[in-house]
Amino acid sequence: MQLVIDLSPAQAERLRAEAERLGVKPGELAKAILADLLNRAPDDFTSTAERVVKKNAALYRRLT
């Protein structure tokens, strides 16, 4: 599967710099980061999502 994402210039530069520091291509680093995220235990994702939703609850209410 191929995936195209838009990064801000700052995000792209940070990815490029980190990839250079690690001696890999930016695409390879992005792929490894995504693989790590997807391989985490579901509880990690769920707890993170719940924390973000709770933290931003007031904002979400104002946006609806």
N, C-alpha and C. Protein backbone atom coordinates (compact mmCIF):
# COMPACT_ATOMS: atom_id res chain seq x y z
N MET A 1 0.85 -1.17 0.00
CA MET A 1 0.00 0.00 0.00
C MET A 1 0.90 1.23 0.00
N GLN A 2 0.53 2.17 -0.79
CA GLN A 2 1.25 3.44 -0.81
C GLN A 2 0.40 4.49 -0.14
N LEU A 3 1.03 5.37 0.61
CA LEU A 3 0.33 6.40 1.36
C LEU A 3 1.04 7.73 1.13
N VAL A 4 0.27 8.75 0.85
CA VAL A 4 0.82 10.09 0.66
C VAL A 4 0.29 10.96 1.79
N ILE A 5 1.21 11.65 2.47
CA ILE A 5 0.80 12.56 3.54
C ILE A 5 1.41 13.93 3.30
N ASP A 6 0.69 14.94 3.74
CA ASP A 6 1.19 16.31 3.65
C ASP A 6 1.77 16.71 5.00
N LEU A 7 3.01 17.12 4.99
CA LEU A 7 3.66 17.61 6.19
C LEU A 7 3.90 19.10 6.06
N SER A 8 3.84 19.79 7.16
CA SER A 8 4.21 21.19 7.13
C SER A 8 5.71 21.27 6.83
N PRO A 9 6.18 22.40 6.37
CA PRO A 9 7.63 22.52 6.14
C PRO A 9 8.46 22.20 7.38
N ALA A 10 7.98 22.61 8.54
CA ALA A 10 8.71 22.33 9.78
C ALA A 10 8.74 20.83 10.08
N GLN A 11 7.60 20.16 9.87
CA GLN A 11 7.55 18.71 10.11
C GLN A 11 8.45 17.97 9.13
N ALA A 12 8.42 18.39 7.86
CA ALA A 12 9.26 17.75 6.85
C ALA A 12 10.74 17.92 7.18
N GLU A 13 11.11 19.09 7.62
CA GLU A 13 12.51 19.34 7.98
C GLU A 13 12.92 18.52 9.20
N ARG A 14 12.02 18.42 10.16
CA ARG A 14 12.33 17.61 11.35
C ARG A 14 12.50 16.14 10.99
N LEU A 15 11.61 15.64 10.13
CA LEU A 15 11.72 14.25 9.67
C LEU A 15 13.02 14.04 8.92
N ARG A 16 13.36 14.97 8.01
CA ARG A 16 14.58 14.86 7.24
C ARG A 16 15.81 14.87 8.14
N ALA A 17 15.83 15.80 9.11
CA ALA A 17 16.97 15.91 10.01
C ALA A 17 17.13 14.66 10.88
N GLU A 18 16.02 14.15 11.38
CA GLU A 18 16.08 12.95 12.23
C GLU A 18 16.51 11.74 11.41
N ALA A 19 16.01 11.63 10.19
CA ALA A 19 16.41 10.53 9.32
C ALA A 19 17.91 10.61 9.02
N GLU A 20 18.39 11.82 8.76
CA GLU A 20 19.82 12.00 8.49
C GLU A 20 20.65 11.61 9.71
N ARG A 21 20.18 12.01 10.88
CA ARG A 21 20.89 11.67 12.12
C ARG A 21 20.99 10.16 12.32
N LEU A 22 19.92 9.46 11.92
CA LEU A 22 19.88 8.00 12.08
C LEU A 22 20.49 7.25 10.90
N GLY A 23 20.80 7.98 9.84
CA GLY A 23 21.42 7.34 8.68
C GLY A 23 20.45 6.56 7.81
N VAL A 24 19.19 7.00 7.77
CA VAL A 24 18.19 6.34 6.92
C VAL A 24 17.49 7.39 6.07
N LYS A 25 16.73 6.94 5.09
CA LYS A 25 15.96 7.84 4.26
C LYS A 25 14.72 8.28 5.04
N PRO A 26 14.23 9.51 4.78
CA PRO A 26 13.03 9.98 5.49
C PRO A 26 11.83 9.04 5.34
N GLY A 27 11.63 8.48 4.15
CA GLY A 27 10.52 7.55 3.94
C GLY A 27 10.65 6.30 4.78
N GLU A 28 11.89 5.81 4.93
CA GLU A 28 12.12 4.63 5.75
C GLU A 28 11.84 4.92 7.22
N LEU A 29 12.22 6.11 7.67
CA LEU A 29 11.95 6.49 9.05
C LEU A 29 10.45 6.62 9.29
N ALA A 30 9.75 7.26 8.37
CA ALA A 30 8.30 7.41 8.51
C ALA A 30 7.62 6.05 8.55
N LYS A 31 8.08 5.13 7.70
CA LYS A 31 7.51 3.78 7.67
C LYS A 31 7.76 3.06 9.01
N ALA A 32 8.95 3.20 9.56
CA ALA A 32 9.28 2.56 10.83
C ALA A 32 8.45 3.15 11.97
N ILE A 33 8.27 4.46 11.95
CA ILE A 33 7.47 5.11 12.99
C ILE A 33 6.04 4.62 12.93
N LEU A 34 5.49 4.55 11.73
CA LEU A 34 4.11 4.09 11.57
C LEU A 34 3.97 2.62 11.98
N ALA A 35 4.94 1.78 11.61
CA ALA A 35 4.91 0.37 12.00
C ALA A 35 4.93 0.25 13.51
N ASP A 36 5.77 1.04 14.17
CA ASP A 36 5.83 1.01 15.63
C ASP A 36 4.49 1.40 16.24
N LEU A 37 3.89 2.45 15.73
CA LEU A 37 2.59 2.89 16.24
C LEU A 37 1.53 1.80 16.06
N LEU A 38 1.50 1.18 14.89
CA LEU A 38 0.49 0.16 14.62
C LEU A 38 0.73 -1.14 15.38
N ASN A 39 1.96 -1.38 15.80
CA ASN A 39 2.28 -2.61 16.52
C ASN A 39 2.14 -2.47 18.03
N ARG A 40 1.84 -1.28 18.51
CA ARG A 40 1.65 -1.09 19.95
C ARG A 40 0.39 -1.82 20.39
N ALA A 41 0.37 -2.12 21.66
CA ALA A 41 -0.80 -2.78 22.23
C ALA A 41 -2.01 -1.86 22.10
N PRO A 42 -3.18 -2.42 21.80
CA PRO A 42 -4.38 -1.60 21.66
C PRO A 42 -4.66 -0.73 22.88
N ASP A 43 -4.28 -1.20 24.05
CA ASP A 43 -4.51 -0.42 25.27
C ASP A 43 -3.74 0.89 25.23
N ASP A 44 -2.54 0.89 24.64
CA ASP A 44 -1.76 2.12 24.53
C ASP A 44 -2.52 3.14 23.70
N PHE A 45 -3.05 2.70 22.55
CA PHE A 45 -3.79 3.60 21.68
C PHE A 45 -5.05 4.10 22.38
N THR A 46 -5.77 3.17 22.99
CA THR A 46 -7.03 3.53 23.65
C THR A 46 -6.80 4.53 24.77
N SER A 47 -5.81 4.28 25.59
CA SER A 47 -5.56 5.20 26.71
C SER A 47 -5.10 6.56 26.20
N THR A 48 -4.31 6.58 25.16
CA THR A 48 -3.87 7.85 24.58
C THR A 48 -5.05 8.60 23.98
N ALA A 49 -5.89 7.91 23.23
CA ALA A 49 -7.05 8.54 22.62
C ALA A 49 -7.99 9.09 23.69
N GLU A 50 -8.22 8.32 24.73
CA GLU A 50 -9.09 8.78 25.81
C GLU A 50 -8.52 10.01 26.50
N ARG A 51 -7.20 10.03 26.71
CA ARG A 51 -6.56 11.18 27.34
C ARG A 51 -6.70 12.43 26.48
N VAL A 52 -6.52 12.29 25.17
CA VAL A 52 -6.63 13.43 24.26
C VAL A 52 -8.07 13.94 24.22
N VAL A 53 -9.03 13.03 24.13
CA VAL A 53 -10.44 13.44 24.10
C VAL A 53 -10.81 14.15 25.39
N LYS A 54 -10.39 13.61 26.52
CA LYS A 54 -10.70 14.24 27.81
C LYS A 54 -10.04 15.62 27.92
N LYS A 55 -8.79 15.70 27.50
CA LYS A 55 -8.06 16.96 27.58
C LYS A 55 -8.71 18.05 26.74
N ASN A 56 -9.26 17.67 25.59
CA ASN A 56 -9.83 18.63 24.66
C ASN A 56 -11.35 18.66 24.66
N ALA A 57 -11.98 18.10 25.66
CA ALA A 57 -13.44 17.99 25.70
C ALA A 57 -14.13 19.35 25.56
N ALA A 58 -13.65 20.35 26.27
CA ALA A 58 -14.27 21.68 26.20
C ALA A 58 -14.17 22.24 24.79
N LEU A 59 -13.04 22.06 24.16
CA LEU A 59 -12.87 22.53 22.78
C LEU A 59 -13.83 21.82 21.84
N TYR A 60 -13.94 20.50 21.99
CA TYR A 60 -14.84 19.73 21.12
C TYR A 60 -16.29 20.19 21.30
N ARG A 61 -16.69 20.48 22.54
CA ARG A 61 -18.05 20.96 22.78
C ARG A 61 -18.29 22.29 22.08
N ARG A 62 -17.32 23.18 22.12
CA ARG A 62 -17.46 24.48 21.46
C ARG A 62 -17.53 24.34 19.94
N LEU A 63 -16.86 23.35 19.40
CA LEU A 63 -16.82 23.16 17.94
C LEU A 63 -18.09 22.51 17.39
N THR A 64 -18.89 21.89 18.24
CA THR A 64 -20.11 21.23 17.74
C THR A 64 -21.27 22.18 17.68
